[in-house]
PDB file of N, CA and C in Angstrom:
ATOM      1  N   MET A   1      41.775 111.456 166.889  1.00  0.00           N
ATOM      2  CA  MET A   1      41.304 112.716 167.560  1.00  0.00           C
ATOM      3  C   MET A   1      40.597 113.646 166.563  1.00  0.00           C
ATOM      4  N   LYS A   2      39.388 114.113 166.952  1.00  0.00           N
ATOM      5  CA  LYS A   2      38.711 114.998 166.195  1.00  0.00           C
ATOM      6  C   LYS A   2      38.606 116.324 166.801  1.00  0.00           C
ATOM      7  N   VAL A   3      38.935 117.370 166.117  1.00  0.00           N
ATOM      8  CA  VAL A   3      38.961 118.725 166.724  1.00  0.00           C
ATOM      9  C   VAL A   3      38.285 119.692 165.783  1.00  0.00           C
ATOM     10  N   ASN A   4      37.718 120.750 166.304  1.00  0.00           N
ATOM     11  CA  ASN A   4      36.988 121.738 165.361  1.00  0.00           C
ATOM     12  C   ASN A   4      38.053 122.682 164.836  1.00  0.00           C
ATOM     13  N   MET A   5      37.558 123.510 163.890  1.00  0.00           N
ATOM     14  CA  MET A   5      38.468 124.472 163.132  1.00  0.00           C
ATOM     15  C   MET A   5      39.112 125.432 164.105  1.00  0.00           C
ATOM     16  N   LEU A   6      38.407 125.969 165.075  1.00  0.00           N
ATOM     17  CA  LEU A   6      38.858 127.006 165.997  1.00  0.00           C
ATOM     18  C   LEU A   6      40.009 126.375 166.862  1.00  0.00           C
ATOM     19  N   GLU A   7      39.732 125.176 167.381  1.00  0.00           N
ATOM     20  CA  GLU A   7      40.771 124.584 168.138  1.00  0.00           C
ATOM     21  C   GLU A   7      42.036 124.166 167.360  1.00  0.00           C
ATOM     22  N   ALA A   8      41.782 123.802 166.127  1.00  0.00           N
ATOM     23  CA  ALA A   8      42.928 123.488 165.144  1.00  0.00           C
ATOM     24  C   ALA A   8      43.769 124.674 164.945  1.00  0.00           C
ATOM     25  N   LYS A   9      43.040 125.847 164.773  1.00  0.00           N
ATOM     26  CA  LYS A   9      43.805 127.016 164.466  1.00  0.00           C
ATOM     27  C   LYS A   9      44.559 127.456 165.617  1.00  0.00           C
ATOM     28  N   SER A  10      44.161 127.289 166.869  1.00  0.00           N
ATOM     29  CA  SER A  10      44.937 127.710 168.080  1.00  0.00           C
ATOM     30  C   SER A  10      45.900 126.641 168.577  1.00  0.00           C
ATOM     31  N   GLN A  11      45.726 125.357 168.111  1.00  0.00           N
ATOM     32  CA  GLN A  11      46.584 124.214 168.646  1.00  0.00           C
ATOM     33  C   GLN A  11      47.312 123.549 167.585  1.00  0.00           C
ATOM     34  N   LEU A  12      47.486 124.307 166.416  1.00  0.00           N
ATOM     35  CA  LEU A  12      48.072 123.613 165.105  1.00  0.00           C
ATOM     36  C   LEU A  12      49.465 122.902 165.524  1.00  0.00           C
ATOM     37  N   SER A  13      50.323 123.541 166.268  1.00  0.00           N
ATOM     38  CA  SER A  13      51.578 122.996 166.525  1.00  0.00           C
ATOM     39  C   SER A  13      51.513 121.608 167.269  1.00  0.00           C
ATOM     40  N   ARG A  14      50.679 121.611 168.254  1.00  0.00           N
ATOM     41  CA  ARG A  14      50.354 120.423 168.977  1.00  0.00           C
ATOM     42  C   ARG A  14      49.828 119.305 168.166  1.00  0.00           C
ATOM     43  N   LEU A  15      48.785 119.696 167.333  1.00  0.00           N
ATOM     44  CA  LEU A  15      48.193 118.706 166.381  1.00  0.00           C
ATOM     45  C   LEU A  15      49.205 118.134 165.364  1.00  0.00           C
ATOM     46  N   VAL A  16      50.087 118.970 164.797  1.00  0.00           N
ATOM     47  CA  VAL A  16      51.022 118.487 163.904  1.00  0.00           C
ATOM     48  C   VAL A  16      51.956 117.408 164.671  1.00  0.00           C
ATOM     49  N   LYS A  17      52.386 117.817 165.811  1.00  0.00           N
ATOM     50  CA  LYS A  17      53.267 116.926 166.519  1.00  0.00           C
ATOM     51  C   LYS A  17      52.550 115.568 166.820  1.00  0.00           C
ATOM     52  N   GLN A  18      51.312 115.563 167.126  1.00  0.00           N
ATOM     53  CA  GLN A  18      50.526 114.326 167.386  1.00  0.00           C
ATOM     54  C   GLN A  18      50.421 113.549 166.096  1.00  0.00           C
ATOM     55  N   ALA A  19      50.212 114.232 164.972  1.00  0.00           N
ATOM     56  CA  ALA A  19      50.046 113.519 163.688  1.00  0.00           C
ATOM     57  C   ALA A  19      51.427 112.801 163.387  1.00  0.00           C
ATOM     58  N   LEU A  20      52.484 113.573 163.610  1.00  0.00           N
ATOM     59  CA  LEU A  20      53.810 112.987 163.362  1.00  0.00           C
ATOM     60  C   LEU A  20      54.130 111.708 164.228  1.00  0.00           C
ATOM     61  N   GLU A  21      53.512 111.800 165.408  1.00  0.00           N
ATOM     62  CA  GLU A  21      53.651 110.597 166.292  1.00  0.00           C
ATOM     63  C   GLU A  21      52.717 109.469 165.978  1.00  0.00           C
ATOM     64  N   GLY A  22      51.922 109.604 164.936  1.00  0.00           N
ATOM     65  CA  GLY A  22      51.049 108.514 164.517  1.00  0.00           C
ATOM     66  C   GLY A  22      49.655 108.635 164.906  1.00  0.00           C
ATOM     67  N   GLU A  23      49.194 109.647 165.580  1.00  0.00           N
ATOM     68  CA  GLU A  23      47.813 109.788 165.973  1.00  0.00           C
ATOM     69  C   GLU A  23      46.998 110.302 164.806  1.00  0.00           C
ATOM     70  N   ASP A  24      45.738 109.734 164.729  1.00  0.00           N
ATOM     71  CA  ASP A  24      44.913 110.171 163.564  1.00  0.00           C
ATOM     72  C   ASP A  24      44.250 111.486 164.047  1.00  0.00           C
ATOM     73  N   VAL A  25      44.511 112.629 163.332  1.00  0.00           N
ATOM     74  CA  VAL A  25      43.968 113.911 163.652  1.00  0.00           C
ATOM     75  C   VAL A  25      43.069 114.298 162.573  1.00  0.00           C
ATOM     76  N   ILE A  26      41.818 114.488 162.862  1.00  0.00           N
ATOM     77  CA  ILE A  26      40.736 115.040 161.950  1.00  0.00           C
ATOM     78  C   ILE A  26      40.234 116.383 162.318  1.00  0.00           C
ATOM     79  N   ILE A  27      40.163 117.324 161.317  1.00  0.00           N
ATOM     80  CA  ILE A  27      39.716 118.602 161.649  1.00  0.00           C
ATOM     81  C   ILE A  27      38.301 118.692 161.037  1.00  0.00           C
ATOM     82  N   ALA A  28      37.364 119.105 161.979  1.00  0.00           N
ATOM     83  CA  ALA A  28      35.941 119.184 161.577  1.00  0.00           C
ATOM     84  C   ALA A  28      35.390 120.598 161.501  1.00  0.00           C
ATOM     85  N   SER A  29      34.357 120.807 160.735  1.00  0.00           N
ATOM     86  CA  SER A  29      33.713 122.036 160.637  1.00  0.00           C
ATOM     87  C   SER A  29      32.154 121.753 160.977  1.00  0.00           C
ATOM     88  N   ASP A  30      31.622 122.416 161.986  1.00  0.00           N
ATOM     89  CA  ASP A  30      30.244 122.137 162.396  1.00  0.00           C
ATOM     90  C   ASP A  30      30.050 120.575 162.716  1.00  0.00           C
ATOM     91  N   GLY A  31      31.039 120.024 163.274  1.00  0.00           N
ATOM     92  CA  GLY A  31      30.889 118.576 163.584  1.00  0.00           C
ATOM     93  C   GLY A  31      31.173 117.643 162.504  1.00  0.00           C
ATOM     94  N   GLU A  32      31.310 118.162 161.174  1.00  0.00           N
ATOM     95  CA  GLU A  32      31.491 117.250 160.042  1.00  0.00           C
ATOM     96  C   GLU A  32      32.978 117.227 159.646  1.00  0.00           C
ATOM     97  N   PRO A  33      33.486 116.011 159.608  1.00  0.00           N
ATOM     98  CA  PRO A  33      35.009 115.857 159.270  1.00  0.00           C
ATOM     99  C   PRO A  33      35.347 116.471 157.958  1.00  0.00           C
ATOM    100  N   MET A  34      36.447 117.298 157.892  1.00  0.00           N
ATOM    101  CA  MET A  34      36.772 117.934 156.646  1.00  0.00           C
ATOM    102  C   MET A  34      38.107 117.504 156.128  1.00  0.00           C
ATOM    103  N   VAL A  35      39.151 117.474 157.034  1.00  0.00           N
ATOM    104  CA  VAL A  35      40.418 117.100 156.639  1.00  0.00           C
ATOM    105  C   VAL A  35      41.125 116.231 157.553  1.00  0.00           C
ATOM    106  N   ARG A  36      42.141 115.521 157.224  1.00  0.00           N
ATOM    107  CA  ARG A  36      42.967 114.761 158.049  1.00  0.00           C
ATOM    108  C   ARG A  36      44.405 115.169 157.961  1.00  0.00           C
ATOM    109  N   LEU A  37      45.045 115.360 159.147  1.00  0.00           N
ATOM    110  CA  LEU A  37      46.476 115.685 159.173  1.00  0.00           C
ATOM    111  C   LEU A  37      47.228 114.348 159.158  1.00  0.00           C
ATOM    112  N   VAL A  38      48.159 114.268 158.163  1.00  0.00           N
ATOM    113  CA  VAL A  38      48.982 113.102 157.896  1.00  0.00           C
ATOM    114  C   VAL A  38      50.429 113.619 157.613  1.00  0.00           C
ATOM    115  N   PRO A  39      51.393 112.837 158.221  1.00  0.00           N
ATOM    116  CA  PRO A  39      52.805 113.307 157.985  1.00  0.00           C
ATOM    117  C   PRO A  39      53.196 112.962 156.490  1.00  0.00           C
ATOM    118  N   ILE A  40      54.096 113.776 155.918  1.00  0.00           N
ATOM    119  CA  ILE A  40      54.730 113.527 154.654  1.00  0.00           C
ATOM    120  C   ILE A  40      55.860 112.508 154.810  1.00  0.00           C
ATOM    121  N   ALA A  41      55.888 111.552 153.948  1.00  0.00           N
ATOM    122  CA  ALA A  41      57.006 110.681 154.056  1.00  0.00           C
ATOM    123  C   ALA A  41      58.395 111.483 153.768  1.00  0.00           C
ATOM    124  N   ARG A  42      59.267 111.235 154.651  1.00  0.00           N
ATOM    125  CA  ARG A  42      60.588 111.888 154.499  1.00  0.00           C
ATOM    126  C   ARG A  42      61.611 110.868 154.213  1.00  0.00           C
ATOM    127  N   LYS A  43      62.677 111.338 153.438  1.00  0.00           N
ATOM    128  CA  LYS A  43      63.791 110.479 153.142  1.00  0.00           C
ATOM    129  C   LYS A  43      64.457 109.871 154.375  1.00  0.00           C
ATOM    130  N   GLY A  44      64.696 108.621 154.397  1.00  0.00           N
ATOM    131  CA  GLY A  44      65.355 108.040 155.535  1.00  0.00           C
ATOM    132  C   GLY A  44      64.339 107.553 156.638  1.00  0.00           C
ATOM    133  N   HIS A  45      63.077 107.802 156.419  1.00  0.00           N
ATOM    134  CA  HIS A  45      62.027 107.276 157.400  1.00  0.00           C
ATOM    135  C   HIS A  45      61.270 106.264 156.710  1.00  0.00           C
ATOM    136  N   LEU A  46      61.147 105.070 157.336  1.00  0.00           N
ATOM    137  CA  LEU A  46      60.482 104.035 156.785  1.00  0.00           C
ATOM    138  C   LEU A  46      58.958 104.143 157.153  1.00  0.00           C
ATOM    139  N   ARG A  47      58.087 103.690 156.204  1.00  0.00           N
ATOM    140  CA  ARG A  47      56.629 103.710 156.409  1.00  0.00           C
ATOM    141  C   ARG A  47      56.096 102.270 156.108  1.00  0.00           C
ATOM    142  N   GLY A  48      55.015 102.003 156.731  1.00  0.00           N
ATOM    143  CA  GLY A  48      54.243 100.712 156.388  1.00  0.00           C
ATOM    144  C   GLY A  48      55.237  99.607 156.526  1.00  0.00           C
ATOM    145  N   TRP A  49      55.309  98.853 155.369  1.00  0.00           N
ATOM    146  CA  TRP A  49      56.014  97.564 155.375  1.00  0.00           C
ATOM    147  C   TRP A  49      57.471  97.784 155.764  1.00  0.00           C
ATOM    148  N   GLY A  50      58.011  98.937 155.331  1.00  0.00           N
ATOM    149  CA  GLY A  50      59.430  99.227 155.673  1.00  0.00           C
ATOM    150  C   GLY A  50      59.692  99.271 157.163  1.00  0.00           C
ATOM    151  N   LYS A  51      58.723  99.744 157.952  1.00  0.00           N
ATOM    152  CA  LYS A  51      58.831  99.729 159.388  1.00  0.00           C
ATOM    153  C   LYS A  51      58.806  98.335 159.898  1.00  0.00           C
ATOM    154  N   LEU A  52      57.883  97.613 159.418  1.00  0.00           N
ATOM    155  CA  LEU A  52      57.682  96.119 159.805  1.00  0.00           C
ATOM    156  C   LEU A  52      58.908  95.364 159.485  1.00  0.00           C
ATOM    157  N   ARG A  53      59.517  95.532 158.291  1.00  0.00           N
ATOM    158  CA  ARG A  53      60.698  94.874 157.916  1.00  0.00           C
ATOM    159  C   ARG A  53      61.843  95.179 158.839  1.00  0.00           C
ATOM    160  N   LYS A  54      61.984  96.503 159.254  1.00  0.00           N
ATOM    161  CA  LYS A  54      63.013  96.885 160.115  1.00  0.00           C
ATOM    162  C   LYS A  54      62.871  96.312 161.496  1.00  0.00           C
ATOM    163  N   LEU A  55      61.621  96.349 161.918  1.00  0.00           N
ATOM    164  CA  LEU A  55      61.396  95.698 163.269  1.00  0.00           C
ATOM    165  C   LEU A  55      61.617  94.181 163.199  1.00  0.00           C
ATOM    166  N   ALA A  56      61.245  93.529 162.167  1.00  0.00           N
ATOM    167  CA  ALA A  56      61.595  92.117 162.063  1.00  0.00           C
ATOM    168  C   ALA A  56      63.072  91.890 162.099  1.00  0.00           C
ATOM    169  N   GLY A  57      63.862  92.674 161.513  1.00  0.00           N
ATOM    170  CA  GLY A  57      65.297  92.544 161.545  1.00  0.00           C
ATOM    171  C   GLY A  57      65.848  92.733 162.875  1.00  0.00           C
ATOM    172  N   VAL A  58      65.381  93.715 163.632  1.00  0.00           N
ATOM    173  CA  VAL A  58      65.818  93.927 164.987  1.00  0.00           C
ATOM    174  C   VAL A  58      65.531  92.772 165.838  1.00  0.00           C
ATOM    175  N   ILE A  59      64.292  92.295 165.730  1.00  0.00           N
ATOM    176  CA  ILE A  59      63.848  91.084 166.501  1.00  0.00           C
ATOM    177  C   ILE A  59      64.685  89.921 166.181  1.00  0.00           C
ATOM    178  N   ARG A  60      64.865  89.661 164.932  1.00  0.00           N
ATOM    179  CA  ARG A  60      65.700  88.483 164.476  1.00  0.00           C
ATOM    180  C   ARG A  60      67.093  88.597 165.069  1.00  0.00           C
ATOM    181  N   ARG A  61      67.675  89.758 165.093  1.00  0.00           N
ATOM    182  CA  ARG A  61      69.028  89.883 165.710  1.00  0.00           C
ATOM    183  C   ARG A  61      68.995  89.634 167.185  1.00  0.00           C
ATOM    184  N   ARG A  62      67.920  90.174 167.886  1.00  0.00           N
ATOM    185  CA  ARG A  62      67.830  89.959 169.352  1.00  0.00           C
ATOM    186  C   ARG A  62      67.707  88.536 169.649  1.00  0.00           C
ATOM    187  N   VAL A  63      66.874  87.857 168.831  1.00  0.00           N
ATOM    188  CA  VAL A  63      66.641  86.420 169.208  1.00  0.00           C
ATOM    189  C   VAL A  63      67.887  85.687 168.858  1.00  0.00           C
ATOM    190  N   HIS A  64      68.682  85.976 167.824  1.00  0.00           N
ATOM    191  CA  HIS A  64      69.790  85.233 167.493  1.00  0.00           C
ATOM    192  C   HIS A  64      70.871  85.460 168.668  1.00  0.00           C
ATOM    193  N   ALA A  65      70.993  86.680 169.133  1.00  0.00           N
ATOM    194  CA  ALA A  65      71.912  86.974 170.109  1.00  0.00           C
ATOM    195  C   ALA A  65      71.533  86.296 171.493  1.00  0.00           C
ATOM    196  N   ARG A  66      70.323  86.302 171.738  1.00  0.00           N
ATOM    197  CA  ARG A  66      69.823  85.522 172.924  1.00  0.00           C
ATOM    198  C   ARG A  66      69.977  84.044 172.856  1.00  0.00           C
ATOM    199  N   ASP A  67      69.790  83.483 171.656  1.00  0.00           N
ATOM    200  CA  ASP A  67      69.913  82.047 171.556  1.00  0.00           C
ATOM    201  C   ASP A  67      71.401  81.717 171.627  1.00  0.00           C
ATOM    202  N   ARG A  68      72.299  82.556 171.078  1.00  0.00           N
ATOM    203  CA  ARG A  68      73.744  82.236 171.212  1.00  0.00           C
ATOM    204  C   ARG A  68      74.132  82.240 172.742  1.00  0.00           C
ATOM    205  N   ARG A  69      73.546  83.276 173.494  1.00  0.00           N
ATOM    206  CA  ARG A  69      73.871  83.214 174.864  1.00  0.00           C
ATOM    207  C   ARG A  69      73.361  81.885 175.570  1.00  0.00           C
ATOM    208  N   ARG A  70      72.150  81.570 175.197  1.00  0.00           N
ATOM    209  CA  ARG A  70      71.603  80.326 175.833  1.00  0.00           C
ATOM    210  C   ARG A  70      72.154  79.096 175.306  1.00  0.00           C
ATOM    211  N   SER A  71      72.629  79.021 174.170  1.00  0.00           N
ATOM    212  CA  SER A  71      73.143  77.869 173.476  1.00  0.00           C
ATOM    213  C   SER A  71      72.093  76.814 173.341  1.00  0.00           C
ATOM    214  N   GLY A  72      70.850  77.206 173.282  1.00  0.00           N
ATOM    215  CA  GLY A  72      69.726  76.400 173.229  1.00  0.00           C
ATOM    216  C   GLY A  72      69.195  76.437 171.806  1.00  0.00           C
ATOM    217  N   PRO A  73      68.230  75.486 171.501  1.00  0.00           N
ATOM    218  CA  PRO A  73      67.591  75.519 170.152  1.00  0.00           C
ATOM    219  C   PRO A  73      66.781  76.711 169.844  1.00  0.00           C
ATOM    220  N   LYS A  74      66.714  77.220 168.610  1.00  0.00           N
ATOM    221  CA  LYS A  74      65.983  78.386 168.201  1.00  0.00           C
ATOM    222  C   LYS A  74      64.564  77.960 168.010  1.00  0.00           C
ATOM    223  N   SER A  75      63.609  78.694 168.354  1.00  0.00           N
ATOM    224  CA  SER A  75      62.148  78.393 168.079  1.00  0.00           C
ATOM    225  C   SER A  75      61.435  79.569 167.583  1.00  0.00           C
ATOM    226  N   LYS A  76      60.424  79.313 166.765  1.00  0.00           N
ATOM    227  CA  LYS A  76      59.554  80.350 166.335  1.00  0.00           C
ATOM    228  C   LYS A  76      58.724  80.966 167.387  1.00  0.00           C
ATOM    229  N   GLY A  77      58.433  80.082 168.401  1.00  0.00           N
ATOM    230  CA  GLY A  77      57.683  80.609 169.653  1.00  0.00           C
ATOM    231  C   GLY A  77      58.372  81.759 170.305  1.00  0.00           C
ATOM    232  N   ARG A  78      59.723  81.632 170.430  1.00  0.00           N
ATOM    233  CA  ARG A  78      60.507  82.704 171.090  1.00  0.00           C
ATOM    234  C   ARG A  78      60.445  84.018 170.236  1.00  0.00           C
ATOM    235  N   LEU A  79      60.373  83.801 168.889  1.00  0.00           N
ATOM    236  CA  LEU A  79      60.380  84.973 168.065  1.00  0.00           C
ATOM    237  C   LEU A  79      59.030  85.694 168.138  1.00  0.00           C
ATOM    238  N   VAL A  80      57.937  84.896 168.196  1.00  0.00           N
ATOM    239  CA  VAL A  80      56.695  85.472 168.363  1.00  0.00           C
ATOM    240  C   VAL A  80      56.481  86.163 169.678  1.00  0.00           C
ATOM    241  N   ARG A  81      56.975  85.525 170.826  1.00  0.00           N
ATOM    242  CA  ARG A  81      56.906  86.105 172.105  1.00  0.00           C
ATOM    243  C   ARG A  81      57.674  87.449 172.132  1.00  0.00           C
ATOM    244  N   LEU A  82      58.901  87.390 171.507  1.00  0.00           N
ATOM    245  CA  LEU A  82      59.674  88.650 171.528  1.00  0.00           C
ATOM    246  C   LEU A  82      58.992  89.759 170.744  1.00  0.00           C
ATOM    247  N   LEU A  83      58.441  89.383 169.595  1.00  0.00           N
ATOM    248  CA  LEU A  83      57.688  90.399 168.769  1.00  0.00           C
ATOM    249  C   LEU A  83      56.520  91.022 169.582  1.00  0.00           C
ATOM    250  N   LEU A  84      55.817  90.108 170.241  1.00  0.00           N
ATOM    251  CA  LEU A  84      54.642  90.620 171.087  1.00  0.00           C
ATOM    252  C   LEU A  84      55.158  91.530 172.262  1.00  0.00           C
ATOM    253  N   ASP A  85      56.271  91.165 172.829  1.00  0.00           N
ATOM    254  CA  ASP A  85      56.810  91.989 173.996  1.00  0.00           C
ATOM    255  C   ASP A  85      57.362  93.228 173.514  1.00  0.00           C
ATOM    256  N   THR A  86      57.997  93.288 172.300  1.00  0.00           N
ATOM    257  CA  THR A  86      58.487  94.483 171.660  1.00  0.00           C
ATOM    258  C   THR A  86      57.355  95.441 171.378  1.00  0.00           C
ATOM    259  N   GLN A  87      56.222  94.892 170.735  1.00  0.00           N
ATOM    260  CA  GLN A  87      55.082  95.720 170.404  1.00  0.00           C
ATOM    261  C   GLN A  87      54.448  96.270 171.674  1.00  0.00           C
ATOM    262  N   VAL A  88      54.315  95.447 172.699  1.00  0.00           N
ATOM    263  CA  VAL A  88      53.719  96.078 173.921  1.00  0.00           C
ATOM    264  C   VAL A  88      54.512  97.119 174.485  1.00  0.00           C
ATOM    265  N   ALA A  89      55.837  96.980 174.586  1.00  0.00           N
ATOM    266  CA  ALA A  89      56.740  97.884 175.164  1.00  0.00           C
ATOM    267  C   ALA A  89      56.813  99.206 174.366  1.00  0.00           C
ATOM    268  N   SER A  90      56.622  99.115 173.012  1.00  0.00           N
ATOM    269  CA  SER A  90      56.729 100.311 172.212  1.00  0.00           C
ATOM    270  C   SER A  90      55.351 100.977 172.068  1.00  0.00           C
ATOM    271  N   GLY A  91      54.263 100.266 172.625  1.00  0.00           N
ATOM    272  CA  GLY A  91      52.952 100.896 172.545  1.00  0.00           C
ATOM    273  C   GLY A  91      52.247 100.566 171.308  1.00  0.00           C
ATOM    274  N   GLY A  92      52.793  99.737 170.337  1.00  0.00           N
ATOM    275  CA  GLY A  92      52.160  99.481 169.099  1.00  0.00           C
ATOM    276  C   GLY A  92      51.360  98.259 169.049  1.00  0.00           C
TER     277      GLY A  92
END
């Protein structure tokens, strides 16, 4: 999202919230991009590969629990489908 300085000044709280939610927020002056709002990494919050590693662990546990219920063979295909389903459901 690209906004001008005047809009950024009047909508700063909303823009910060959007940046924290992962949206790309760029502030421009006379149509030229000047700055980008990005969240600061906080303790206890995973970024980048940490988020992916955490998601992989969640998916692995779900697949394992589902396979135990089904008592069927585990397959990588199920893991890939679950990963894609999880990504679509989370909007990522």
